[in-house]
Amino acid sequence: MATTPTLARRAHMRALTAALTLALIALPAQARADAGDEAAPQSAAQSSTAAQSAPQAEPSASPSPETTDAPEPAAPAANGEDRAPTASSESEEPPTMAAPDETGRGAWMRDSVGWWWRRADGTYPASQWVGIGGARYYFYDSGYMATGWFRDGADWFFLAPSGALVGGWLKDGGSWYYLDPASGVMRTGLTAVDGTWYYLDSSGAMRTGWVHLGDGWHYFASNGSQIGGWLRDGGQWYYLDPNSGVMHTGLTGVDGTWYYLDSSGAMRTGWEHLFDGWHFFASNGAQMGGWLRDGGEWYYLDPDTGVMRTEPLELNGHRYVFDASGAWRGYEAPAGYLQPTDHITGLGNATNTLTWGMNGTKVRIAQVRLGLWHSNKLASVDAPFVAAVKNFQQRAGLPVNGVVDKATWDAMDTGYPWTVDQYQATPLPLTATRGERVEAMIGYAWNQTGSSYTWGGAGPYDQGFDCSGLVLQSLYAAGLDPQPIDVIKHAWPSYRTSQELYAYPYFQHVPLAQRQRGDLIFYTTSGTVTHVAIYLGDDMIVHTDWMGRPARMQHITAGYGWDRMTPDVVRPLP
C-alpha cells in the first residue's frame, strides 16, 4: 500500500488541533473562515470570495466625490465632529511565498480534520505555499490546507473557504480590505487602487470620513475614495488639496480666488481679522476687494491684499478718509476742529429735577398739568410754579417742598416719561459729505418751523425750542456733538447755550463778511451774546427768539440790525 499521511496525522491529532487553534487566535477579529467546507477546494476563478475588481457601493474604481464644485453661497461654521486617530502603515514587502506549481502532480484528499494535497509519490506539502490549478494555497506544518485570515511573517493574507489565496477587494465582517492582487498581502495606510487613493487602517479595514494622517486631515467618501477640492460636510465647506488630499487652513487661493479656512478647516464668511488686518469674505467665501457696503457703512479693501483701509486714500483724484473702524467718513474736519460722529453722546440717567429757576420742556409740561401754561408764559420754575406744585403735593400726599422730583412727576401723570428732556436728534451716517451735513442741519431747523417758543426748550416739535435749543438739535442732526454742551445743561438756570456755542473751542470762526450757508450767526445785547440763528444764504436765517414767535425763516436783520451781530460767524463744518 502506498504511504499516506493519514496514520501520521491520526497520531498527532491532538497536537494538530492545538496548532490550528493557535493559528486562529492570531487572525484578525473581523473574519475567520470555516475550515469545515464539505466541497472540494476550487480554483480562484471558481471561489465566491476570490479577488473582486472593486467593492460595490463602498470602494469604487471611479468614485463620485460628494462635491467637485466650488461652494455656493453659504455661511459655514466650525465642525466639531470627533475625527479618527492616526493609523500607521505596515511593511508592504512581498512575502516569502515561492509557490511551486503542482498541477497534475497529485490529488486533493480529505479526512475528518481537513483537506491536504497528496502528491503522486505519497508525500504532501507542509509549511509552504503551493500553486495548484492556477491558485495559491498554504499548507500548515501538519499538511492541512489553511483558510481564512493567515499571517506569514509580518504579512496578513486571506484564503477563501476553497483555500485559494484572495487578491483585490475583500469584504469581511462588514469591513472592506485590499489584498495585493499579485502577492495577496493585505495593504495598510494610504493605498492607490486604479488611480484612486484609499486609507486602510492598521487592521487593514478601509476608513471613511475624516482621518488624520502624518501630513494633516484627509476626507474619504462613503465609497472610501479620497476627496480632493471642495467638500461640504456637516453644513460646513472645506477645501482639500486636489493632489495630496490634505485639508487646507488659513488663506487659501483656489482658481484665482482667496478664501479663509479657520483652524478646523471650515470656510469662513464675513469679517475676519488676520495677521495683516481685517478682511471681508462674501457669503460664498470669496475674499472681497475694493469698495464694500456693510451694515449701512462703506469700507475700502485693498484689491490685491484684501486688507481693510483705515488710512486716508487718494483714488481717482479724490481723497477718502476712514475712521478707526474702517468706515468711510464722507467728510472730515481739518485737524483741531470738531469731527463728525454717527452717535451723539448718550445722557445715561441724566435728567432734570425741576427746582427754582429751571427752564425747558419738562417745566412746560408740568405747567400745562398745573394749569399755568399759556402762549406768552416762560417755561421757568418761578413763585407761581412752586406754589402750584406744593398744593399738588399736599393733595397727593407727597412731601410738600415745591420741587418736581420723579415721585411728584409720576403722580402728575403727564403722559410723558421722566426723561423727556433727553430728546436728541439722530445724526447722519459717517458716509455723509460736508454738503449733506450742512443740508441736514438746515433741514432739521426748517422742519421745526411753526413750533412754539419754549425757554430752555430743545424739542421735540410739540414742546418747542428756544434759539440755542433749535441750533443744538440741528448740529446733532448734522453729526456734530459739541460736548460738554448738551440738552440737559441747556435747561439749567445759569447756563446760556448760545454763549457756550460761540465760545466753543473746536468751532471755526470766520469774518461776518465771509458768511456762507450753514454758518451760525450770533447776536448780542450790550455786548453779550444772547441769540443764535442758522444762516441760509442770501441774508436769510432760520431761528426762534421769544414767546409768541415760533421757529421761522427771516431776513438776517429782522428785529436786530447789523450792529447787534458779532463781527465773526461760527462755521461748524469747516
Protein backbone atom coordinates (compact mmCIF):
# COMPACT_ATOMS: atom_id res chain seq x y z
CA MET A 1 0.00 0.00 0.00
CA ALA A 2 1.25 3.47 -0.85
CA THR A 3 2.33 5.59 2.07
CA THR A 4 -0.17 8.31 3.08
CA PRO A 5 -0.08 10.96 5.77
CA THR A 6 -3.33 9.58 7.34
CA LEU A 7 -1.76 7.37 10.01
CA ALA A 8 0.75 10.01 10.98
CA ARG A 9 -1.97 12.61 11.25
CA ARG A 10 -4.11 10.42 13.46
CA ALA A 11 -1.14 10.02 15.79
CA HIS A 12 -0.69 13.75 16.02
CA MET A 13 -4.40 14.74 16.08
CA ARG A 14 -4.33 16.48 19.43
CA ALA A 15 -1.17 18.41 18.64
CA LEU A 16 -2.65 19.43 15.29
CA THR A 17 -5.86 20.67 16.85
CA ALA A 18 -3.87 22.81 19.29
CA ALA A 19 -1.78 24.23 16.48
CA LEU A 20 -4.86 25.15 14.45
CA THR A 21 -6.42 26.84 17.50
CA LEU A 22 -3.32 28.97 17.98
CA ALA A 23 -3.33 29.92 14.35
CA LEU A 24 -6.96 31.03 14.51
CA ILE A 25 -6.36 33.13 17.62
CA ALA A 26 -3.81 35.12 15.64
CA LEU A 27 -6.28 36.01 12.91
CA PRO A 28 -7.99 39.46 12.64
CA ALA A 29 -11.23 39.54 14.59
CA GLN A 30 -13.13 40.72 11.54
CA ALA A 31 -13.13 37.38 9.81
CA ARG A 32 -12.21 33.76 10.41
CA ALA A 33 -13.39 31.33 7.71
CA ASP A 34 -14.98 27.92 8.36
CA ALA A 35 -12.37 25.22 7.69
CA GLY A 36 -15.01 22.55 7.51
CA ASP A 37 -16.28 23.17 3.95
CA GLU A 38 -17.67 19.94 2.55
CA ALA A 39 -16.94 20.75 -1.10
CA ALA A 40 -13.60 20.06 -2.67
CA PRO A 41 -11.27 23.09 -2.99
CA GLN A 42 -11.83 25.14 -6.13
CA SER A 43 -9.61 27.41 -8.18
CA ALA A 44 -9.55 31.16 -7.58
CA ALA A 45 -11.78 31.64 -10.58
CA GLN A 46 -14.41 29.42 -9.02
CA SER A 47 -14.31 30.71 -5.41
CA SER A 48 -17.13 33.05 -4.27
CA THR A 49 -14.70 35.01 -2.05
CA ALA A 50 -11.92 35.26 -4.57
CA ALA A 51 -10.46 38.58 -5.68
CA GLN A 52 -13.03 41.19 -6.81
CA SER A 53 -12.37 44.07 -9.22
CA ALA A 54 -13.61 46.54 -6.63
CA PRO A 55 -16.20 46.55 -3.88
CA GLN A 56 -19.62 47.73 -4.93
CA ALA A 57 -21.22 50.68 -3.16
CA GLU A 58 -18.14 51.00 -0.95
CA PRO A 59 -14.73 51.40 -2.64
CA SER A 60 -15.05 52.06 -6.32
CA ALA A 61 -12.63 52.39 -9.19
CA SER A 62 -14.43 55.57 -10.29
CA PRO A 63 -15.98 57.19 -7.22
CA SER A 64 -18.23 60.24 -7.33
CA PRO A 65 -16.97 62.81 -4.81
CA GLU A 66 -19.60 64.45 -2.61
CA THR A 67 -18.83 67.72 -4.34
CA THR A 68 -16.37 68.79 -7.00
CA ASP A 69 -17.59 72.33 -7.49
CA ALA A 70 -16.72 75.48 -5.63
CA PRO A 71 -19.21 76.19 -2.85
CA GLU A 72 -22.37 78.05 -3.50
CA PRO A 73 -23.22 80.93 -1.15
CA ALA A 74 -23.20 79.55 2.31
CA ALA A 75 -22.19 80.51 5.80
CA PRO A 76 -20.04 77.68 7.08
CA ALA A 77 -19.03 77.30 10.73
CA ALA A 78 -16.54 75.09 12.54
CA ASN A 79 -17.08 71.32 12.52
CA GLY A 80 -16.85 69.75 15.97
CA GLU A 81 -17.03 66.15 14.72
CA ASP A 82 -14.76 63.70 16.54
CA ARG A 83 -12.33 62.55 13.88
CA ALA A 84 -10.49 59.26 13.79
CA PRO A 85 -6.97 58.81 15.12
CA THR A 86 -3.85 58.42 13.01
CA ALA A 87 -3.06 54.90 11.81
CA SER A 88 0.33 53.60 10.72
CA SER A 89 1.22 51.60 7.67
CA GLU A 90 2.95 48.24 7.92
CA SER A 91 5.58 46.94 5.57
CA GLU A 92 4.31 46.09 2.10
CA GLU A 93 7.24 43.88 1.15
CA PRO A 94 6.02 40.69 -0.65
CA PRO A 95 6.02 37.52 1.46
CA THR A 96 8.34 34.61 1.02
CA MET A 97 5.88 32.51 -0.91
CA ALA A 98 7.56 30.97 -3.88
CA ALA A 99 4.80 28.60 -4.82
CA PRO A 100 5.79 25.63 -6.90
CA ASP A 101 3.07 24.59 -9.34
CA GLU A 102 2.00 21.06 -8.62
CA THR A 103 -0.94 20.95 -11.01
CA GLY A 104 -1.30 17.38 -12.30
CA ARG A 105 1.19 16.05 -9.80
CA GLY A 106 -1.21 14.93 -7.11
CA ALA A 107 -4.78 14.91 -5.85
CA TRP A 108 -6.89 16.60 -3.17
CA MET A 109 -7.60 14.45 -0.15
CA ARG A 110 -9.78 14.97 2.91
CA ASP A 111 -10.28 13.39 6.26
CA SER A 112 -12.14 14.40 9.41
CA VAL A 113 -9.62 17.19 10.10
CA GLY A 114 -9.41 18.87 6.72
CA TRP A 115 -8.01 18.98 3.22
CA TRP A 116 -4.46 18.23 2.09
CA TRP A 117 -2.68 17.68 -1.21
CA ARG A 118 -1.30 14.18 -1.85
CA ARG A 119 1.48 14.03 -4.34
CA ALA A 120 1.90 11.14 -6.71
CA ASP A 121 4.76 9.77 -4.59
CA GLY A 122 2.57 9.83 -1.48
CA THR A 123 4.18 12.84 0.15
CA TYR A 124 2.39 16.08 0.93
CA PRO A 125 3.39 19.79 1.18
CA ALA A 126 3.76 21.23 4.66
CA SER A 127 4.67 24.72 5.96
CA GLN A 128 4.71 26.08 2.43
CA TRP A 129 2.84 27.80 -0.39
CA VAL A 130 1.85 25.65 -3.35
CA GLY A 131 0.36 26.54 -6.73
CA ILE A 132 -2.42 24.25 -7.87
CA GLY A 133 -4.76 24.78 -10.79
CA GLY A 134 -3.81 28.46 -11.17
CA ALA A 135 -4.40 29.30 -7.49
CA ARG A 136 -2.11 29.52 -4.47
CA TYR A 137 -2.64 27.58 -1.25
CA TYR A 138 -0.89 27.39 2.06
CA PHE A 139 -0.40 24.16 3.97
CA TYR A 140 0.39 24.07 7.69
CA ASP A 141 3.29 22.02 9.04
CA SER A 142 0.74 19.27 9.62
CA GLY A 143 -0.01 19.27 5.90
CA TYR A 144 -3.56 20.53 6.18
CA MET A 145 -4.77 23.39 3.91
CA ALA A 146 -5.22 26.86 5.52
CA THR A 147 -8.38 29.01 5.10
CA GLY A 148 -9.45 32.47 6.28
CA TRP A 149 -7.02 35.03 7.66
CA PHE A 150 -3.46 33.80 7.76
CA ARG A 151 -0.28 35.51 8.89
CA ASP A 152 3.03 34.65 7.29
CA GLY A 153 5.83 36.59 8.93
CA ALA A 154 4.76 40.25 9.14
CA ASP A 155 2.09 39.94 6.45
CA TRP A 156 -1.57 39.03 6.53
CA PHE A 157 -3.31 37.05 3.79
CA PHE A 158 -6.82 35.84 3.23
CA LEU A 159 -7.54 32.34 1.96
CA ALA A 160 -11.03 31.58 0.66
CA PRO A 161 -13.08 28.67 2.04
CA SER A 162 -11.70 26.86 -1.01
CA GLY A 163 -8.21 27.59 0.30
CA ALA A 164 -7.33 29.75 -2.68
CA LEU A 165 -5.36 32.94 -1.94
CA VAL A 166 -7.56 36.03 -2.40
CA GLY A 167 -6.36 39.24 -4.09
CA GLY A 168 -8.07 42.61 -4.68
CA TRP A 169 -11.00 43.95 -2.68
CA LEU A 170 -12.44 41.77 0.06
CA LYS A 171 -15.44 42.47 2.27
CA ASP A 172 -15.27 40.59 5.53
CA GLY A 173 -17.10 41.19 8.78
CA GLY A 174 -18.72 44.40 7.47
CA SER A 175 -15.36 45.98 6.51
CA TRP A 176 -13.52 46.26 3.23
CA TYR A 177 -9.90 45.16 2.85
CA TYR A 178 -7.49 45.38 -0.05
CA LEU A 179 -5.18 42.49 -0.77
CA ASP A 180 -2.37 42.95 -3.26
CA PRO A 181 -3.55 41.25 -6.48
CA ALA A 182 -0.06 39.87 -7.18
CA SER A 183 1.14 38.84 -3.73
CA GLY A 184 -2.11 38.62 -1.75
CA VAL A 185 -0.59 40.76 1.06
CA MET A 186 -3.17 42.81 2.99
CA ARG A 187 -2.44 46.52 2.46
CA THR A 188 -2.47 49.22 5.15
CA GLY A 189 -2.08 53.00 5.07
CA LEU A 190 -2.69 55.19 2.02
CA THR A 191 -3.14 52.87 -0.91
CA ALA A 192 -3.70 53.69 -4.58
CA VAL A 193 -6.06 51.40 -6.48
CA ASP A 194 -6.65 52.07 -10.17
CA GLY A 195 -5.62 55.70 -9.72
CA THR A 196 -7.77 56.34 -6.62
CA TRP A 197 -6.42 56.70 -3.09
CA TYR A 198 -7.93 54.86 -0.11
CA TYR A 199 -6.94 54.69 3.52
CA LEU A 200 -6.64 51.30 5.21
CA ASP A 201 -6.02 51.43 8.94
CA SER A 202 -3.56 49.28 10.88
CA SER A 203 -6.10 46.41 10.90
CA GLY A 204 -6.41 46.71 7.11
CA ALA A 205 -10.02 47.97 7.30
CA MET A 206 -10.94 50.70 4.83
CA ARG A 207 -11.77 54.02 6.53
CA THR A 208 -14.34 56.66 5.56
CA GLY A 209 -14.92 60.22 6.75
CA TRP A 210 -12.23 62.35 8.42
CA VAL A 211 -8.85 60.72 9.08
CA HIS A 212 -5.78 62.48 10.47
CA LEU A 213 -2.59 61.28 8.83
CA GLY A 214 1.01 62.39 9.17
CA ASP A 215 0.56 65.36 6.82
CA GLY A 216 -2.83 66.53 8.11
CA TRP A 217 -6.53 65.82 7.82
CA HIS A 218 -7.95 63.88 4.88
CA TYR A 219 -11.51 63.01 3.96
CA PHE A 220 -12.62 59.71 2.47
CA ALA A 221 -16.04 59.39 0.85
CA SER A 222 -18.57 56.71 1.72
CA ASN A 223 -17.02 54.55 -1.02
CA GLY A 224 -13.58 55.02 0.57
CA SER A 225 -12.11 57.23 -2.15
CA GLN A 226 -10.07 60.23 -1.03
CA ILE A 227 -11.77 63.57 -1.74
CA GLY A 228 -9.93 66.49 -3.30
CA GLY A 229 -11.26 70.01 -3.90
CA TRP A 230 -14.34 71.46 -2.19
CA LEU A 231 -16.19 69.30 0.32
CA ARG A 232 -19.41 70.10 2.20
CA ASP A 233 -19.71 68.17 5.45
CA GLY A 234 -21.94 68.81 8.43
CA GLY A 235 -23.12 72.10 6.96
CA GLN A 236 -19.52 73.37 6.57
CA TRP A 237 -17.36 73.87 3.49
CA TYR A 238 -13.79 72.54 3.46
CA TYR A 239 -11.06 72.58 0.84
CA LEU A 240 -8.85 69.54 0.34
CA ASP A 241 -5.75 69.70 -1.82
CA PRO A 242 -6.67 68.10 -5.17
CA ASN A 243 -3.28 66.35 -5.36
CA SER A 244 -2.45 65.34 -1.78
CA GLY A 245 -5.96 65.35 -0.28
CA VAL A 246 -4.73 67.35 2.74
CA MET A 247 -7.28 69.74 4.27
CA HIS A 248 -6.26 73.40 3.93
CA THR A 249 -6.37 76.03 6.67
CA GLY A 250 -5.72 79.78 6.60
CA LEU A 251 -5.80 81.94 3.48
CA THR A 252 -6.12 79.62 0.50
CA GLY A 253 -6.13 80.51 -3.19
CA VAL A 254 -8.45 78.44 -5.38
CA ASP A 255 -8.71 79.18 -9.12
CA GLY A 256 -7.55 82.76 -8.60
CA THR A 257 -9.89 83.48 -5.64
CA TRP A 258 -8.84 83.70 -1.99
CA TYR A 259 -10.77 82.00 0.80
CA TYR A 260 -10.21 81.84 4.55
CA LEU A 261 -10.39 78.46 6.26
CA ASP A 262 -10.18 78.51 10.06
CA SER A 263 -8.13 76.16 12.23
CA SER A 264 -10.84 73.48 11.91
CA GLY A 265 -10.69 73.84 8.11
CA ALA A 266 -14.19 75.34 7.90
CA MET A 267 -14.61 78.13 5.37
CA ARG A 268 -15.40 81.49 6.99
CA THR A 269 -17.53 84.38 5.77
CA GLY A 270 -17.91 87.99 6.87
CA TRP A 271 -15.26 89.97 8.71
CA GLU A 272 -12.09 88.17 9.78
CA HIS A 273 -9.05 89.70 11.46
CA LEU A 274 -5.91 88.10 10.06
CA PHE A 275 -2.23 88.77 10.67
CA ASP A 276 -2.20 91.83 8.39
CA GLY A 277 -5.55 93.37 9.32
CA TRP A 278 -9.27 93.00 8.68
CA HIS A 279 -10.58 91.14 5.63
CA PHE A 280 -14.11 90.52 4.40
CA PHE A 281 -15.29 87.25 2.83
CA ALA A 282 -18.53 87.13 0.86
CA SER A 283 -21.33 84.64 1.51
CA ASN A 284 -19.65 82.25 -0.96
CA GLY A 285 -16.36 82.59 0.91
CA ALA A 286 -14.59 84.72 -1.70
CA GLN A 287 -12.35 87.48 -0.35
CA MET A 288 -13.62 90.94 -1.28
CA GLY A 289 -11.57 93.81 -2.64
CA GLY A 290 -12.39 97.44 -3.44
CA TRP A 291 -15.45 99.22 -2.06
CA LEU A 292 -17.72 97.25 0.27
CA ARG A 293 -21.01 98.34 1.83
CA ASP A 294 -21.83 96.54 5.06
CA GLY A 295 -24.20 97.49 7.86
CA GLY A 296 -25.02 100.80 6.22
CA GLU A 297 -21.34 101.84 6.04
CA TRP A 298 -18.77 101.90 3.23
CA TYR A 299 -15.35 100.28 3.58
CA TYR A 300 -12.39 100.04 1.23
CA LEU A 301 -10.46 96.78 0.94
CA ASP A 302 -7.15 96.65 -0.87
CA PRO A 303 -7.86 94.99 -4.25
CA ASP A 304 -4.60 93.00 -4.05
CA THR A 305 -4.33 92.01 -0.38
CA GLY A 306 -7.97 92.34 0.76
CA VAL A 307 -6.87 94.35 3.85
CA MET A 308 -9.37 96.95 5.10
CA ARG A 309 -8.18 100.54 4.78
CA THR A 310 -8.04 102.89 7.78
CA GLU A 311 -5.56 105.46 6.46
CA PRO A 312 -6.60 108.22 4.01
CA LEU A 313 -6.75 107.07 0.39
CA GLU A 314 -6.06 109.03 -2.80
CA LEU A 315 -8.13 107.36 -5.52
CA ASN A 316 -9.04 108.70 -8.97
CA GLY A 317 -8.22 112.24 -7.92
CA HIS A 318 -10.32 112.06 -4.74
CA ARG A 319 -9.23 111.83 -1.13
CA TYR A 320 -11.13 109.41 1.09
CA VAL A 321 -10.87 109.33 4.87
CA PHE A 322 -11.74 106.38 7.14
CA ASP A 323 -12.18 106.12 10.90
CA ALA A 324 -10.52 103.53 13.15
CA SER A 325 -13.30 101.02 12.38
CA GLY A 326 -12.58 101.35 8.65
CA ALA A 327 -15.87 103.13 7.91
CA TRP A 328 -15.56 105.78 5.22
CA ARG A 329 -16.10 109.24 6.55
CA GLY A 330 -17.59 111.28 3.76
CA TYR A 331 -16.36 114.42 5.49
CA GLU A 332 -13.51 115.07 7.91
CA ALA A 333 -12.96 118.42 9.51
CA PRO A 334 -9.43 119.82 9.48
CA ALA A 335 -7.26 118.92 12.44
CA GLY A 336 -8.23 120.77 15.61
CA TYR A 337 -11.91 121.14 14.74
CA LEU A 338 -14.94 119.12 15.84
CA GLN A 339 -15.14 115.89 13.87
CA PRO A 340 -18.47 114.42 12.71
CA THR A 341 -19.88 111.41 14.53
CA ASP A 342 -22.67 108.95 13.85
CA HIS A 343 -23.56 108.58 17.53
CA ILE A 344 -24.46 111.53 19.75
CA THR A 345 -23.22 111.04 23.30
CA GLY A 346 -25.89 109.33 25.38
CA LEU A 347 -27.15 111.05 28.51
CA GLY A 348 -27.37 107.90 30.62
CA ASN A 349 -29.64 108.50 33.61
CA ALA A 350 -29.21 112.27 33.46
CA THR A 351 -32.44 114.27 33.68
CA ASN A 352 -33.55 117.43 35.39
CA THR A 353 -35.36 117.70 38.70
CA LEU A 354 -37.41 120.89 38.50
CA THR A 355 -36.12 123.37 41.06
CA TRP A 356 -36.15 127.17 41.30
CA GLY A 357 -35.09 128.87 38.03
CA MET A 358 -35.12 125.67 35.93
CA ASN A 359 -36.29 126.03 32.30
CA GLY A 360 -37.27 123.86 29.41
CA THR A 361 -39.52 121.13 28.16
CA LYS A 362 -40.27 119.45 31.49
CA VAL A 363 -41.20 122.77 33.08
CA ARG A 364 -43.63 123.49 30.24
CA ILE A 365 -45.23 120.02 30.57
CA ALA A 366 -45.65 120.49 34.34
CA GLN A 367 -47.12 123.99 33.77
CA VAL A 368 -49.71 122.52 31.43
CA ARG A 369 -50.60 119.85 34.03
CA LEU A 370 -50.90 122.51 36.75
CA GLY A 371 -52.95 124.91 34.59
CA LEU A 372 -50.19 127.55 34.41
CA TRP A 373 -49.18 127.42 30.75
CA HIS A 374 -50.25 129.99 28.16
CA SER A 375 -48.72 131.19 24.93
CA ASN A 376 -46.67 134.03 26.44
CA LYS A 377 -45.69 132.25 29.67
CA LEU A 378 -41.98 131.45 30.05
CA ALA A 379 -41.20 127.79 30.82
CA SER A 380 -39.47 128.64 34.09
CA VAL A 381 -39.79 127.49 37.69
CA ASP A 382 -40.95 130.68 39.44
CA ALA A 383 -43.03 131.54 42.52
CA PRO A 384 -46.44 130.65 41.00
CA PHE A 385 -45.00 127.35 39.77
CA VAL A 386 -43.58 126.42 43.19
CA ALA A 387 -46.88 127.34 44.92
CA ALA A 388 -48.89 125.21 42.47
CA VAL A 389 -46.52 122.25 42.96
CA LYS A 390 -46.87 122.48 46.75
CA ASN A 391 -50.66 122.47 46.51
CA PHE A 392 -50.50 119.40 44.24
CA GLN A 393 -48.10 117.57 46.56
CA GLN A 394 -50.34 118.25 49.55
CA ARG A 395 -53.39 116.84 47.74
CA ALA A 396 -51.39 113.82 46.55
CA GLY A 397 -49.99 113.01 49.99
CA LEU A 398 -46.40 113.72 48.94
CA PRO A 399 -43.71 115.67 50.81
CA VAL A 400 -44.56 119.33 50.28
CA ASN A 401 -41.39 121.04 49.05
CA GLY A 402 -42.35 122.64 45.70
CA VAL A 403 -39.73 120.52 43.89
CA VAL A 404 -40.83 118.28 40.98
CA ASP A 405 -38.86 115.10 41.54
CA LYS A 406 -39.66 111.74 39.92
CA ALA A 407 -42.27 110.83 42.56
CA THR A 408 -44.11 114.12 42.01
CA TRP A 409 -43.75 113.78 38.22
CA ASP A 410 -45.18 110.27 38.25
CA ALA A 411 -48.09 111.43 40.45
CA MET A 412 -48.84 114.23 37.98
CA ASP A 413 -49.46 111.61 35.26
CA THR A 414 -48.37 113.99 32.48
CA GLY A 415 -48.30 111.34 29.79
CA TYR A 416 -44.57 111.97 29.24
CA PRO A 417 -41.66 109.97 30.64
CA TRP A 418 -39.40 111.37 33.34
CA THR A 419 -36.59 111.50 30.75
CA VAL A 420 -38.49 113.51 28.15
CA ASP A 421 -35.76 116.16 28.34
CA GLN A 422 -33.21 113.66 26.96
CA TYR A 423 -34.52 114.03 23.38
CA GLN A 424 -31.64 114.19 20.86
CA ALA A 425 -31.85 114.38 17.05
CA THR A 426 -30.45 111.43 15.10
CA PRO A 427 -27.17 112.16 13.24
CA LEU A 428 -26.22 111.29 9.67
CA PRO A 429 -24.05 108.24 8.97
CA LEU A 430 -20.31 108.68 8.65
CA THR A 431 -20.57 108.48 4.89
CA ALA A 432 -22.27 111.87 4.68
CA THR A 433 -20.35 114.57 2.85
CA ARG A 434 -19.92 118.14 4.06
CA GLY A 435 -22.70 119.35 1.78
CA GLU A 436 -25.05 116.65 3.09
CA ARG A 437 -24.27 117.64 6.67
CA VAL A 438 -24.92 121.33 6.02
CA GLU A 439 -28.26 120.47 4.45
CA ALA A 440 -29.15 118.09 7.31
CA MET A 441 -28.54 120.87 9.83
CA ILE A 442 -30.64 123.36 7.89
CA GLY A 443 -33.27 120.73 7.07
CA TYR A 444 -33.78 119.84 10.72
CA ALA A 445 -34.23 123.51 11.68
CA TRP A 446 -36.57 124.11 8.74
CA ASN A 447 -38.72 121.13 9.76
CA GLN A 448 -39.24 122.76 13.17
CA THR A 449 -40.67 126.00 11.72
CA GLY A 450 -44.03 126.65 13.28
CA SER A 451 -43.09 125.07 16.62
CA SER A 452 -43.73 127.33 19.60
CA TYR A 453 -41.04 129.06 21.63
CA THR A 454 -40.11 127.39 24.92
CA TRP A 455 -37.41 128.99 27.05
CA GLY A 456 -34.74 126.32 27.62
CA GLY A 457 -36.60 124.00 25.25
CA ALA A 458 -34.76 121.65 22.90
CA GLY A 459 -37.71 119.82 21.38
CA PRO A 460 -39.29 117.68 20.35
CA TYR A 461 -41.53 119.68 17.99
CA ASP A 462 -44.69 119.60 20.14
CA GLN A 463 -42.78 121.02 23.13
CA GLY A 464 -40.97 123.81 21.30
CA PHE A 465 -37.44 125.26 21.21
CA ASP A 466 -35.56 128.34 22.17
CA CYS A 467 -32.87 129.72 19.86
CA SER A 468 -29.92 127.68 21.13
CA GLY A 469 -32.04 124.53 21.65
CA LEU A 470 -33.01 124.65 17.96
CA VAL A 471 -29.38 125.13 16.89
CA LEU A 472 -28.08 122.38 19.23
CA GLN A 473 -30.51 119.79 17.88
CA SER A 474 -29.69 120.90 14.30
CA LEU A 475 -26.00 120.32 15.00
CA TYR A 476 -26.84 116.84 16.31
CA ALA A 477 -28.70 116.10 13.08
CA ALA A 478 -25.56 117.08 11.11
CA GLY A 479 -23.46 114.65 13.15
CA LEU A 480 -21.79 117.25 15.40
CA ASP A 481 -21.68 116.62 19.15
CA PRO A 482 -20.23 119.70 20.90
CA GLN A 483 -19.63 118.12 24.30
CA PRO A 484 -19.87 119.11 27.11
CA ILE A 485 -22.80 121.20 25.81
CA ASP A 486 -25.96 119.07 25.89
CA VAL A 487 -29.75 119.31 26.18
CA ILE A 488 -29.73 118.69 29.94
CA LYS A 489 -27.40 121.62 30.73
CA HIS A 490 -29.38 123.70 28.25
CA ALA A 491 -32.27 123.85 30.74
CA TRP A 492 -30.17 124.94 33.73
CA PRO A 493 -30.95 128.42 35.11
CA SER A 494 -27.39 129.81 34.84
CA TYR A 495 -26.44 128.08 31.57
CA ARG A 496 -26.51 130.15 28.36
CA THR A 497 -26.06 127.77 25.43
CA SER A 498 -25.75 130.49 22.78
CA GLN A 499 -22.76 131.91 24.61
CA GLU A 500 -21.26 128.43 25.01
CA LEU A 501 -21.66 127.71 21.28
CA TYR A 502 -19.99 131.00 20.34
CA ALA A 503 -17.05 130.26 22.64
CA TYR A 504 -16.75 126.55 21.76
CA PRO A 505 -13.02 125.93 21.14
CA TYR A 506 -13.44 123.38 18.30
CA PHE A 507 -15.58 125.56 16.01
CA GLN A 508 -14.06 127.66 13.25
CA HIS A 509 -14.63 131.45 13.27
CA VAL A 510 -14.64 133.44 10.05
CA PRO A 511 -15.44 137.14 9.39
CA LEU A 512 -19.12 138.00 9.10
CA ALA A 513 -18.46 139.27 5.57
CA GLN A 514 -17.41 135.70 4.55
CA ARG A 515 -20.60 134.06 5.83
CA GLN A 516 -22.00 131.14 3.88
CA ARG A 517 -24.83 128.66 4.06
CA GLY A 518 -24.68 126.55 7.24
CA ASP A 519 -22.84 129.14 9.38
CA LEU A 520 -24.12 130.21 12.81
CA ILE A 521 -24.98 133.92 13.21
CA PHE A 522 -24.72 135.37 16.74
CA TYR A 523 -26.45 138.48 18.11
CA THR A 524 -25.57 140.48 21.21
CA THR A 525 -27.26 142.61 23.85
CA SER A 526 -24.99 145.16 25.46
CA GLY A 527 -22.01 143.31 24.05
CA THR A 528 -23.06 139.88 25.40
CA VAL A 529 -24.17 137.04 23.10
CA THR A 530 -27.87 136.43 23.67
CA HIS A 531 -29.15 134.91 20.43
CA VAL A 532 -28.08 132.48 17.68
CA ALA A 533 -29.53 131.59 14.27
CA ILE A 534 -28.63 129.37 11.30
CA TYR A 535 -27.62 131.16 8.11
CA LEU A 536 -29.43 130.02 4.95
CA GLY A 537 -27.67 132.23 2.43
CA ASP A 538 -28.91 135.37 0.66
CA ASP A 539 -29.04 137.10 4.07
CA MET A 540 -31.79 134.78 5.33
CA ILE A 541 -31.81 132.89 8.64
CA VAL A 542 -33.93 130.27 10.39
CA HIS A 543 -34.41 130.74 14.13
CA THR A 544 -36.80 131.21 17.05
CA ASP A 545 -36.36 134.03 19.55
CA TRP A 546 -39.19 134.77 22.03
CA MET A 547 -42.64 133.94 23.34
CA GLY A 548 -45.31 134.00 20.69
CA ARG A 549 -42.75 133.96 17.89
CA PRO A 550 -42.40 130.37 16.63
CA ALA A 551 -39.47 128.93 14.69
CA ARG A 552 -39.41 130.68 11.30
CA MET A 553 -37.35 131.95 8.36
CA GLN A 554 -36.49 135.70 8.30
CA HIS A 555 -34.03 138.24 6.99
CA ILE A 556 -30.77 138.37 8.90
CA THR A 557 -31.55 141.83 10.27
CA ALA A 558 -35.20 141.29 11.25
CA GLY A 559 -35.65 142.71 14.75
CA TYR A 560 -31.91 143.03 15.37
CA GLY A 561 -29.91 145.01 12.82
CA TRP A 562 -26.33 144.63 11.67
CA ASP A 563 -24.95 146.39 14.72
CA ARG A 564 -26.08 143.62 17.03
CA MET A 565 -24.26 140.86 15.13
CA THR A 566 -20.86 139.64 16.26
CA PRO A 567 -18.07 140.54 13.81
CA ASP A 568 -17.49 136.91 13.08
CA VAL A 569 -19.64 133.84 12.49
CA VAL A 570 -19.13 130.22 13.57
CA ARG A 571 -18.60 127.65 10.82
CA PRO A 572 -19.32 124.27 12.47
CA LEU A 573 -18.37 122.39 9.28
CA PRO A 574 -15.08 123.95 8.04
